[in-house]
Amino acid sequence: MDAQQRRALRVLRIVHELHKQGYQLLRIAPGMSASGCHWRCAITPRSNILESHGAKLADEDELVARYTSGQDNEYFGWADAKHDDVKELAEKFTRRFPEIMRAARGDDWNYAGWYVKMLGYAERGMFPIAYADWYEEPDPQFLALSGFESDLPMPPPGDVQGRREA
């Protein structure tokens, strides 16, 4: 696994750590940049995830923390996080995104279980992708994985019916 993948995995592990702390309503909306060079991951509460697709944002601007692999180890743009471990990053996330954390408090065992399964794929270098400039549309039954045919089921649905109007 290269440095970019290790850092992306660290972001996914932050969410897992927060799930263990009682924030199971925290969700990811992962994807690829238009160039295909950078993996992106938005972290948001379930209240900002589409019911029709459990890994897509309903509102791009509401309660969203963003990471892109282009940030290297300046997670979420934090210059003071370069040497932090997952627990330290989770603590910073909790302090720096209090509104997201308030909305993410609660149990969602279906999603937390799905998340552990997804994390197993990511640990083998197969990262989840909900959006990209696809050559061919992925199978809607499964969440796409970077560079691999996927058998990862779609995550449980979010709370939002349709996209919110700006």
N, C-alpha and C. Protein backbone atom coordinates (compact mmCIF):
# COMPACT_ATOMS: atom_id res chain seq x y z
N MET A 1 0.86 -1.17 0.00
CA MET A 1 0.00 0.00 0.00
C MET A 1 0.91 1.24 0.00
N ASP A 2 0.63 2.17 -0.90
CA ASP A 2 1.46 3.37 -0.97
C ASP A 2 0.99 4.41 0.06
N ALA A 3 1.74 5.50 0.18
CA ALA A 3 1.47 6.53 1.19
C ALA A 3 0.08 7.14 1.00
N GLN A 4 -0.31 7.38 -0.24
CA GLN A 4 -1.62 7.97 -0.51
C GLN A 4 -2.74 7.04 -0.02
N GLN A 5 -2.61 5.76 -0.25
CA GLN A 5 -3.61 4.80 0.21
C GLN A 5 -3.62 4.69 1.74
N ARG A 6 -2.45 4.71 2.36
CA ARG A 6 -2.39 4.64 3.83
C ARG A 6 -3.10 5.84 4.46
N ARG A 7 -2.93 7.00 3.85
CA ARG A 7 -3.59 8.21 4.38
C ARG A 7 -5.10 8.15 4.17
N ALA A 8 -5.52 7.66 3.03
CA ALA A 8 -6.95 7.50 2.77
C ALA A 8 -7.56 6.50 3.75
N LEU A 9 -6.84 5.42 4.00
CA LEU A 9 -7.30 4.43 4.97
C LEU A 9 -7.41 5.04 6.36
N ARG A 10 -6.48 5.91 6.70
CA ARG A 10 -6.53 6.58 8.01
C ARG A 10 -7.83 7.39 8.14
N VAL A 11 -8.25 8.05 7.07
CA VAL A 11 -9.51 8.81 7.11
C VAL A 11 -10.68 7.87 7.38
N LEU A 12 -10.70 6.74 6.70
CA LEU A 12 -11.78 5.77 6.93
C LEU A 12 -11.73 5.24 8.37
N ARG A 13 -10.55 5.07 8.90
CA ARG A 13 -10.41 4.57 10.28
C ARG A 13 -10.85 5.62 11.30
N ILE A 14 -10.74 6.90 10.97
CA ILE A 14 -11.26 7.95 11.86
C ILE A 14 -12.75 7.74 12.06
N VAL A 15 -13.47 7.53 10.98
CA VAL A 15 -14.92 7.33 11.06
C VAL A 15 -15.22 6.07 11.87
N HIS A 16 -14.47 5.01 11.65
CA HIS A 16 -14.67 3.78 12.42
C HIS A 16 -14.45 4.04 13.91
N GLU A 17 -13.42 4.78 14.24
CA GLU A 17 -13.15 5.13 15.64
C GLU A 17 -14.32 5.91 16.23
N LEU A 18 -14.86 6.85 15.48
CA LEU A 18 -15.99 7.64 15.96
C LEU A 18 -17.26 6.79 16.08
N HIS A 19 -17.44 5.82 15.19
CA HIS A 19 -18.56 4.88 15.33
C HIS A 19 -18.46 4.16 16.68
N LYS A 20 -17.25 3.72 17.04
CA LYS A 20 -17.06 3.00 18.31
C LYS A 20 -17.35 3.90 19.50
N GLN A 21 -17.26 5.20 19.32
CA GLN A 21 -17.51 6.15 20.41
C GLN A 21 -18.97 6.59 20.49
N GLY A 22 -19.84 5.98 19.67
CA GLY A 22 -21.27 6.29 19.74
C GLY A 22 -21.78 7.23 18.67
N TYR A 23 -20.99 7.45 17.63
CA TYR A 23 -21.40 8.33 16.52
C TYR A 23 -21.64 7.51 15.26
N GLN A 24 -22.52 6.52 15.37
CA GLN A 24 -22.77 5.62 14.24
C GLN A 24 -23.62 6.26 13.14
N LEU A 25 -24.14 7.45 13.38
CA LEU A 25 -24.88 8.15 12.32
C LEU A 25 -23.94 8.90 11.39
N LEU A 26 -22.64 8.79 11.65
CA LEU A 26 -21.63 9.41 10.79
C LEU A 26 -21.47 8.55 9.54
N ARG A 27 -21.50 9.19 8.37
CA ARG A 27 -21.44 8.50 7.09
C ARG A 27 -20.31 9.04 6.23
N ILE A 28 -19.93 8.24 5.23
CA ILE A 28 -18.97 8.71 4.23
C ILE A 28 -19.65 8.80 2.87
N ALA A 29 -19.18 9.75 2.07
CA ALA A 29 -19.58 9.90 0.67
C ALA A 29 -18.27 9.95 -0.12
N PRO A 30 -17.74 8.79 -0.52
CA PRO A 30 -16.43 8.72 -1.16
C PRO A 30 -16.52 8.78 -2.68
N GLY A 31 -15.46 9.26 -3.32
CA GLY A 31 -15.44 9.30 -4.77
C GLY A 31 -14.08 9.66 -5.31
N MET A 32 -14.03 9.89 -6.61
CA MET A 32 -12.79 10.22 -7.30
C MET A 32 -12.90 11.62 -7.89
N SER A 33 -11.78 12.33 -7.90
CA SER A 33 -11.74 13.63 -8.54
C SER A 33 -11.98 13.45 -10.04
N ALA A 34 -12.32 14.53 -10.71
CA ALA A 34 -12.59 14.45 -12.15
C ALA A 34 -11.39 13.94 -12.93
N SER A 35 -10.20 14.26 -12.46
CA SER A 35 -8.98 13.80 -13.15
C SER A 35 -8.71 12.32 -12.88
N GLY A 36 -9.33 11.78 -11.84
CA GLY A 36 -9.08 10.39 -11.46
C GLY A 36 -7.81 10.22 -10.64
N CYS A 37 -7.15 11.33 -10.31
CA CYS A 37 -5.87 11.26 -9.57
C CYS A 37 -6.05 11.20 -8.06
N HIS A 38 -7.17 11.73 -7.56
CA HIS A 38 -7.33 11.84 -6.11
C HIS A 38 -8.63 11.21 -5.64
N TRP A 39 -8.50 10.43 -4.56
CA TRP A 39 -9.66 9.87 -3.89
C TRP A 39 -10.18 10.93 -2.93
N ARG A 40 -11.47 11.07 -2.88
CA ARG A 40 -12.10 12.06 -2.01
C ARG A 40 -13.05 11.38 -1.04
N CYS A 41 -13.21 12.00 0.11
CA CYS A 41 -14.14 11.45 1.09
C CYS A 41 -14.78 12.58 1.87
N ALA A 42 -16.08 12.70 1.74
CA ALA A 42 -16.84 13.65 2.54
C ALA A 42 -17.40 12.88 3.74
N ILE A 43 -17.34 13.49 4.89
CA ILE A 43 -17.88 12.88 6.11
C ILE A 43 -19.02 13.77 6.58
N THR A 44 -20.16 13.14 6.84
CA THR A 44 -21.38 13.87 7.12
C THR A 44 -22.32 12.99 7.92
N PRO A 45 -23.32 13.55 8.58
CA PRO A 45 -24.29 12.69 9.27
C PRO A 45 -25.28 12.05 8.29
N ARG A 46 -25.93 10.99 8.76
CA ARG A 46 -26.92 10.28 7.94
C ARG A 46 -28.03 11.23 7.46
N SER A 47 -28.29 12.28 8.22
CA SER A 47 -29.33 13.25 7.84
C SER A 47 -28.97 14.04 6.59
N ASN A 48 -27.76 13.85 6.06
CA ASN A 48 -27.33 14.52 4.82
C ASN A 48 -26.95 13.51 3.74
N ILE A 49 -27.46 12.30 3.85
CA ILE A 49 -27.20 11.25 2.86
C ILE A 49 -28.52 10.87 2.20
N LEU A 50 -28.46 10.65 0.90
CA LEU A 50 -29.66 10.31 0.15
C LEU A 50 -30.24 8.95 0.54
N GLU A 51 -31.54 8.89 0.57
CA GLU A 51 -32.23 7.62 0.80
C GLU A 51 -32.03 6.69 -0.40
N SER A 52 -31.92 7.27 -1.58
CA SER A 52 -31.78 6.48 -2.81
C SER A 52 -30.37 5.95 -3.03
N HIS A 53 -29.38 6.48 -2.31
CA HIS A 53 -27.98 6.04 -2.44
C HIS A 53 -27.26 6.34 -1.14
N GLY A 54 -26.98 5.30 -0.38
CA GLY A 54 -26.42 5.45 0.96
C GLY A 54 -25.02 6.00 1.06
N ALA A 55 -24.42 6.42 -0.08
CA ALA A 55 -23.07 6.98 -0.04
C ALA A 55 -22.97 8.28 -0.84
N LYS A 56 -24.11 8.95 -1.04
CA LYS A 56 -24.09 10.23 -1.75
C LYS A 56 -24.72 11.32 -0.91
N LEU A 57 -24.08 12.49 -0.95
CA LEU A 57 -24.56 13.65 -0.21
C LEU A 57 -25.88 14.16 -0.78
N ALA A 58 -26.75 14.61 0.11
CA ALA A 58 -27.98 15.28 -0.31
C ALA A 58 -27.69 16.75 -0.54
N ASP A 59 -26.87 17.34 0.32
CA ASP A 59 -26.52 18.75 0.24
C ASP A 59 -25.00 18.86 0.33
N GLU A 60 -24.38 19.36 -0.70
CA GLU A 60 -22.91 19.43 -0.79
C GLU A 60 -22.29 20.38 0.24
N ASP A 61 -23.08 21.29 0.80
CA ASP A 61 -22.54 22.32 1.68
C ASP A 61 -22.95 22.19 3.14
N GLU A 62 -23.88 21.30 3.43
CA GLU A 62 -24.42 21.22 4.79
C GLU A 62 -23.73 20.13 5.61
N LEU A 63 -23.12 20.51 6.72
CA LEU A 63 -22.53 19.56 7.66
C LEU A 63 -21.60 18.56 6.96
N VAL A 64 -20.61 19.08 6.25
CA VAL A 64 -19.70 18.22 5.50
C VAL A 64 -18.25 18.56 5.84
N ALA A 65 -17.49 17.53 6.18
CA ALA A 65 -16.03 17.65 6.33
C ALA A 65 -15.42 16.92 5.15
N ARG A 66 -14.47 17.54 4.48
CA ARG A 66 -13.93 16.96 3.24
C ARG A 66 -12.44 16.65 3.35
N TYR A 67 -12.11 15.48 2.81
CA TYR A 67 -10.71 15.09 2.66
C TYR A 67 -10.49 14.69 1.21
N THR A 68 -9.34 15.04 0.68
CA THR A 68 -8.91 14.55 -0.62
C THR A 68 -7.48 14.06 -0.47
N SER A 69 -7.16 13.00 -1.17
CA SER A 69 -5.79 12.47 -1.08
C SER A 69 -4.76 13.49 -1.54
N GLY A 70 -5.19 14.51 -2.25
CA GLY A 70 -4.30 15.61 -2.63
C GLY A 70 -3.81 16.42 -1.44
N GLN A 71 -4.48 16.28 -0.29
CA GLN A 71 -4.05 16.98 0.92
C GLN A 71 -2.92 16.24 1.63
N ASP A 72 -2.57 15.06 1.13
CA ASP A 72 -1.55 14.23 1.76
C ASP A 72 -1.92 13.98 3.23
N ASN A 73 -1.02 14.33 4.14
CA ASN A 73 -1.31 14.08 5.55
C ASN A 73 -1.74 15.34 6.29
N GLU A 74 -2.22 16.33 5.57
CA GLU A 74 -2.87 17.50 6.19
C GLU A 74 -4.37 17.25 6.14
N TYR A 75 -4.80 16.27 6.94
CA TYR A 75 -6.19 15.82 6.94
C TYR A 75 -7.15 16.97 7.12
N PHE A 76 -8.13 17.07 6.24
CA PHE A 76 -9.14 18.12 6.27
C PHE A 76 -8.52 19.51 6.24
N GLY A 77 -7.29 19.61 5.71
CA GLY A 77 -6.59 20.87 5.62
C GLY A 77 -5.87 21.27 6.91
N TRP A 78 -5.75 20.34 7.85
CA TRP A 78 -5.12 20.64 9.14
C TRP A 78 -3.61 20.49 9.05
N ALA A 79 -2.89 21.56 9.15
CA ALA A 79 -1.43 21.52 9.12
C ALA A 79 -0.84 20.91 10.39
N ASP A 80 -1.63 20.87 11.46
CA ASP A 80 -1.14 20.33 12.73
C ASP A 80 -1.48 18.85 12.94
N ALA A 81 -1.84 18.15 11.89
CA ALA A 81 -2.26 16.75 12.03
C ALA A 81 -1.32 15.77 11.33
N LYS A 82 -0.23 16.24 10.81
CA LYS A 82 0.64 15.42 9.98
C LYS A 82 1.14 14.15 10.65
N HIS A 83 1.32 14.17 11.96
CA HIS A 83 1.91 13.03 12.65
C HIS A 83 0.93 12.36 13.62
N ASP A 84 -0.35 12.72 13.53
CA ASP A 84 -1.36 12.18 14.44
C ASP A 84 -1.74 10.75 14.07
N ASP A 85 -2.05 9.97 15.10
CA ASP A 85 -2.60 8.64 14.85
C ASP A 85 -4.12 8.76 14.74
N VAL A 86 -4.79 7.65 14.51
CA VAL A 86 -6.24 7.67 14.27
C VAL A 86 -7.00 8.24 15.47
N LYS A 87 -6.64 7.85 16.67
CA LYS A 87 -7.35 8.34 17.85
C LYS A 87 -7.18 9.85 18.02
N GLU A 88 -5.98 10.35 17.76
CA GLU A 88 -5.75 11.80 17.84
C GLU A 88 -6.53 12.53 16.76
N LEU A 89 -6.57 11.97 15.56
CA LEU A 89 -7.34 12.58 14.48
C LEU A 89 -8.83 12.57 14.80
N ALA A 90 -9.33 11.49 15.38
CA ALA A 90 -10.74 11.41 15.76
C ALA A 90 -11.07 12.45 16.81
N GLU A 91 -10.16 12.65 17.75
CA GLU A 91 -10.37 13.68 18.79
C GLU A 91 -10.43 15.07 18.16
N LYS A 92 -9.50 15.35 17.23
CA LYS A 92 -9.52 16.66 16.55
C LYS A 92 -10.80 16.82 15.73
N PHE A 93 -11.21 15.76 15.06
CA PHE A 93 -12.44 15.82 14.26
C PHE A 93 -13.61 16.19 15.16
N THR A 94 -13.71 15.55 16.31
CA THR A 94 -14.80 15.82 17.26
C THR A 94 -14.80 17.28 17.70
N ARG A 95 -13.63 17.82 18.00
CA ARG A 95 -13.52 19.22 18.45
C ARG A 95 -13.77 20.21 17.32
N ARG A 96 -13.29 19.89 16.11
CA ARG A 96 -13.33 20.86 15.02
C ARG A 96 -14.60 20.81 14.18
N PHE A 97 -15.37 19.77 14.34
CA PHE A 97 -16.65 19.66 13.62
C PHE A 97 -17.78 19.34 14.59
N PRO A 98 -18.02 20.22 15.58
CA PRO A 98 -19.02 19.91 16.61
C PRO A 98 -20.44 19.76 16.08
N GLU A 99 -20.80 20.51 15.03
CA GLU A 99 -22.16 20.41 14.48
C GLU A 99 -22.37 19.05 13.83
N ILE A 100 -21.36 18.59 13.10
CA ILE A 100 -21.45 17.26 12.48
C ILE A 100 -21.58 16.20 13.57
N MET A 101 -20.78 16.33 14.62
CA MET A 101 -20.78 15.33 15.67
C MET A 101 -22.12 15.32 16.43
N ARG A 102 -22.71 16.47 16.67
CA ARG A 102 -24.02 16.49 17.33
C ARG A 102 -25.05 15.74 16.50
N ALA A 103 -25.01 15.93 15.19
CA ALA A 103 -25.98 15.29 14.31
C ALA A 103 -25.68 13.80 14.09
N ALA A 104 -24.47 13.37 14.43
CA ALA A 104 -24.06 11.98 14.18
C ALA A 104 -24.17 11.09 15.42
N ARG A 105 -24.58 11.64 16.54
CA ARG A 105 -24.69 10.86 17.78
C ARG A 105 -25.86 9.91 17.67
N GLY A 106 -25.61 8.63 17.90
CA GLY A 106 -26.69 7.64 17.89
C GLY A 106 -26.23 6.33 17.29
N ASP A 107 -27.12 5.36 17.36
CA ASP A 107 -26.83 4.02 16.87
C ASP A 107 -27.37 3.80 15.47
N ASP A 108 -26.59 3.13 14.66
CA ASP A 108 -27.00 2.68 13.33
C ASP A 108 -26.19 1.41 13.06
N TRP A 109 -26.64 0.32 13.67
CA TRP A 109 -25.88 -0.93 13.61
C TRP A 109 -25.79 -1.48 12.19
N ASN A 110 -26.82 -1.25 11.37
CA ASN A 110 -26.75 -1.72 9.98
C ASN A 110 -25.59 -1.05 9.24
N TYR A 111 -25.49 0.27 9.39
CA TYR A 111 -24.42 0.99 8.71
C TYR A 111 -23.07 0.65 9.33
N ALA A 112 -22.99 0.59 10.66
CA ALA A 112 -21.72 0.28 11.32
C ALA A 112 -21.21 -1.09 10.88
N GLY A 113 -22.11 -2.06 10.73
CA GLY A 113 -21.72 -3.38 10.25
C GLY A 113 -21.24 -3.33 8.81
N TRP A 114 -21.98 -2.61 7.96
CA TRP A 114 -21.56 -2.44 6.57
C TRP A 114 -20.19 -1.78 6.53
N TYR A 115 -19.98 -0.80 7.40
CA TYR A 115 -18.74 -0.04 7.40
C TYR A 115 -17.54 -0.94 7.71
N VAL A 116 -17.70 -1.84 8.66
CA VAL A 116 -16.61 -2.77 8.99
C VAL A 116 -16.27 -3.63 7.78
N LYS A 117 -17.29 -4.09 7.07
CA LYS A 117 -17.05 -4.88 5.85
C LYS A 117 -16.29 -4.05 4.81
N MET A 118 -16.75 -2.79 4.59
CA MET A 118 -16.09 -1.91 3.63
C MET A 118 -14.64 -1.66 4.04
N LEU A 119 -14.40 -1.48 5.34
CA LEU A 119 -13.06 -1.22 5.83
C LEU A 119 -12.12 -2.38 5.52
N GLY A 120 -12.65 -3.60 5.57
CA GLY A 120 -11.85 -4.76 5.20
C GLY A 120 -11.37 -4.69 3.75
N TYR A 121 -12.21 -4.20 2.85
CA TYR A 121 -11.79 -4.01 1.46
C TYR A 121 -10.71 -2.93 1.37
N ALA A 122 -10.95 -1.81 2.06
CA ALA A 122 -9.99 -0.69 2.01
C ALA A 122 -8.63 -1.11 2.55
N GLU A 123 -8.62 -1.95 3.56
CA GLU A 123 -7.35 -2.42 4.11
C GLU A 123 -6.56 -3.26 3.11
N ARG A 124 -7.25 -3.74 2.08
CA ARG A 124 -6.59 -4.48 1.00
C ARG A 124 -6.38 -3.61 -0.24
N GLY A 125 -6.54 -2.29 -0.08
CA GLY A 125 -6.28 -1.35 -1.17
C GLY A 125 -7.45 -1.12 -2.10
N MET A 126 -8.65 -1.56 -1.73
CA MET A 126 -9.85 -1.38 -2.54
C MET A 126 -10.75 -0.35 -1.86
N PHE A 127 -10.69 0.89 -2.33
CA PHE A 127 -11.39 1.99 -1.68
C PHE A 127 -12.77 2.21 -2.30
N PRO A 128 -13.76 2.57 -1.46
CA PRO A 128 -15.12 2.77 -1.96
C PRO A 128 -15.21 4.03 -2.83
N ILE A 129 -16.05 3.93 -3.86
CA ILE A 129 -16.25 5.05 -4.78
C ILE A 129 -17.75 5.15 -5.11
N ALA A 130 -18.36 6.25 -4.72
CA ALA A 130 -19.78 6.48 -5.01
C ALA A 130 -19.98 7.37 -6.23
N TYR A 131 -18.95 8.12 -6.59
CA TYR A 131 -19.05 8.98 -7.78
C TYR A 131 -17.68 9.07 -8.44
N ALA A 132 -17.71 9.20 -9.76
CA ALA A 132 -16.50 9.33 -10.57
C ALA A 132 -16.95 9.62 -12.00
N ASP A 133 -15.99 9.94 -12.85
CA ASP A 133 -16.31 10.02 -14.28
C ASP A 133 -16.15 8.61 -14.82
N TRP A 134 -17.25 7.87 -14.80
CA TRP A 134 -17.22 6.44 -15.15
C TRP A 134 -17.07 6.24 -16.65
N TYR A 135 -16.30 5.24 -17.03
CA TYR A 135 -16.28 4.79 -18.43
C TYR A 135 -17.54 3.99 -18.68
N GLU A 136 -17.91 3.24 -17.69
CA GLU A 136 -19.08 2.39 -17.77
C GLU A 136 -19.77 2.48 -16.41
N GLU A 137 -21.08 2.67 -16.38
CA GLU A 137 -21.79 2.79 -15.11
C GLU A 137 -21.62 1.51 -14.29
N PRO A 138 -21.32 1.64 -13.01
CA PRO A 138 -21.17 0.46 -12.15
C PRO A 138 -22.52 -0.20 -11.87
N ASP A 139 -22.47 -1.44 -11.44
CA ASP A 139 -23.67 -2.19 -11.06
C ASP A 139 -24.32 -1.48 -9.87
N PRO A 140 -25.59 -1.09 -9.98
CA PRO A 140 -26.23 -0.34 -8.89
C PRO A 140 -26.46 -1.14 -7.61
N GLN A 141 -26.26 -2.45 -7.66
CA GLN A 141 -26.41 -3.28 -6.47
C GLN A 141 -25.21 -3.16 -5.53
N PHE A 142 -24.08 -2.73 -6.10
CA PHE A 142 -22.83 -2.73 -5.34
C PHE A 142 -22.18 -1.35 -5.37
N LEU A 143 -21.47 -1.03 -4.28
CA LEU A 143 -20.69 0.20 -4.25
C LEU A 143 -19.36 -0.09 -4.93
N ALA A 144 -19.02 0.72 -5.90
CA ALA A 144 -17.78 0.50 -6.66
C ALA A 144 -16.56 0.57 -5.74
N LEU A 145 -15.53 -0.17 -6.11
CA LEU A 145 -14.25 -0.17 -5.40
C LEU A 145 -13.17 0.24 -6.38
N SER A 146 -12.18 0.99 -5.92
CA SER A 146 -11.13 1.51 -6.79
C SER A 146 -10.38 0.39 -7.50
N GLY A 147 -10.52 0.39 -8.81
CA GLY A 147 -9.76 -0.51 -9.65
C GLY A 147 -10.17 -1.96 -9.60
N PHE A 148 -11.28 -2.28 -8.97
CA PHE A 148 -11.68 -3.67 -8.81
C PHE A 148 -13.16 -3.83 -9.08
N GLU A 149 -13.55 -4.99 -9.56
CA GLU A 149 -14.97 -5.32 -9.65
C GLU A 149 -15.46 -5.50 -8.22
N SER A 150 -16.62 -4.97 -7.92
CA SER A 150 -17.08 -4.93 -6.54
C SER A 150 -18.17 -5.95 -6.25
N ASP A 151 -18.06 -6.55 -5.07
CA ASP A 151 -19.15 -7.33 -4.52
C ASP A 151 -19.55 -6.76 -3.16
N LEU A 152 -19.14 -5.49 -2.92
CA LEU A 152 -19.52 -4.79 -1.69
C LEU A 152 -20.94 -4.25 -1.86
N PRO A 153 -21.89 -4.73 -1.05
CA PRO A 153 -23.26 -4.22 -1.19
C PRO A 153 -23.31 -2.71 -0.96
N MET A 154 -24.33 -2.09 -1.49
CA MET A 154 -24.54 -0.67 -1.24
C MET A 154 -24.77 -0.45 0.25
N PRO A 155 -24.33 0.69 0.78
CA PRO A 155 -24.59 0.97 2.19
C PRO A 155 -26.07 1.20 2.44
N PRO A 156 -26.50 1.06 3.69
CA PRO A 156 -27.89 1.37 4.01
C PRO A 156 -28.24 2.80 3.60
N PRO A 157 -29.51 3.04 3.31
CA PRO A 157 -29.93 4.38 2.85
C PRO A 157 -29.77 5.45 3.91
N GLY A 158 -29.64 6.69 3.42
CA GLY A 158 -29.63 7.85 4.29
C GLY A 158 -31.05 8.31 4.56
N ASP A 159 -31.19 9.50 5.10
CA ASP A 159 -32.49 10.02 5.53
C ASP A 159 -33.19 10.92 4.52
N VAL A 160 -32.49 11.37 3.47
CA VAL A 160 -33.02 12.42 2.61
C VAL A 160 -33.64 11.83 1.33
N GLN A 161 -34.89 12.17 1.09
CA GLN A 161 -35.57 11.76 -0.14
C GLN A 161 -35.29 12.81 -1.19
N GLY A 162 -34.51 12.46 -2.21
CA GLY A 162 -34.18 13.40 -3.28
C GLY A 162 -33.19 14.45 -2.82
N ARG A 163 -32.74 15.26 -3.77
CA ARG A 163 -31.77 16.32 -3.46
C ARG A 163 -32.50 17.54 -2.93
N ARG A 164 -31.86 18.19 -1.99
CA ARG A 164 -32.40 19.45 -1.46
C ARG A 164 -32.11 20.57 -2.43
N GLU A 165 -33.01 21.50 -2.50
CA GLU A 165 -32.81 22.67 -3.36
C GLU A 165 -31.95 23.69 -2.64
N ALA A 166 -31.04 24.31 -3.37
CA ALA A 166 -30.14 25.31 -2.76
C ALA A 166 -30.87 26.61 -2.51
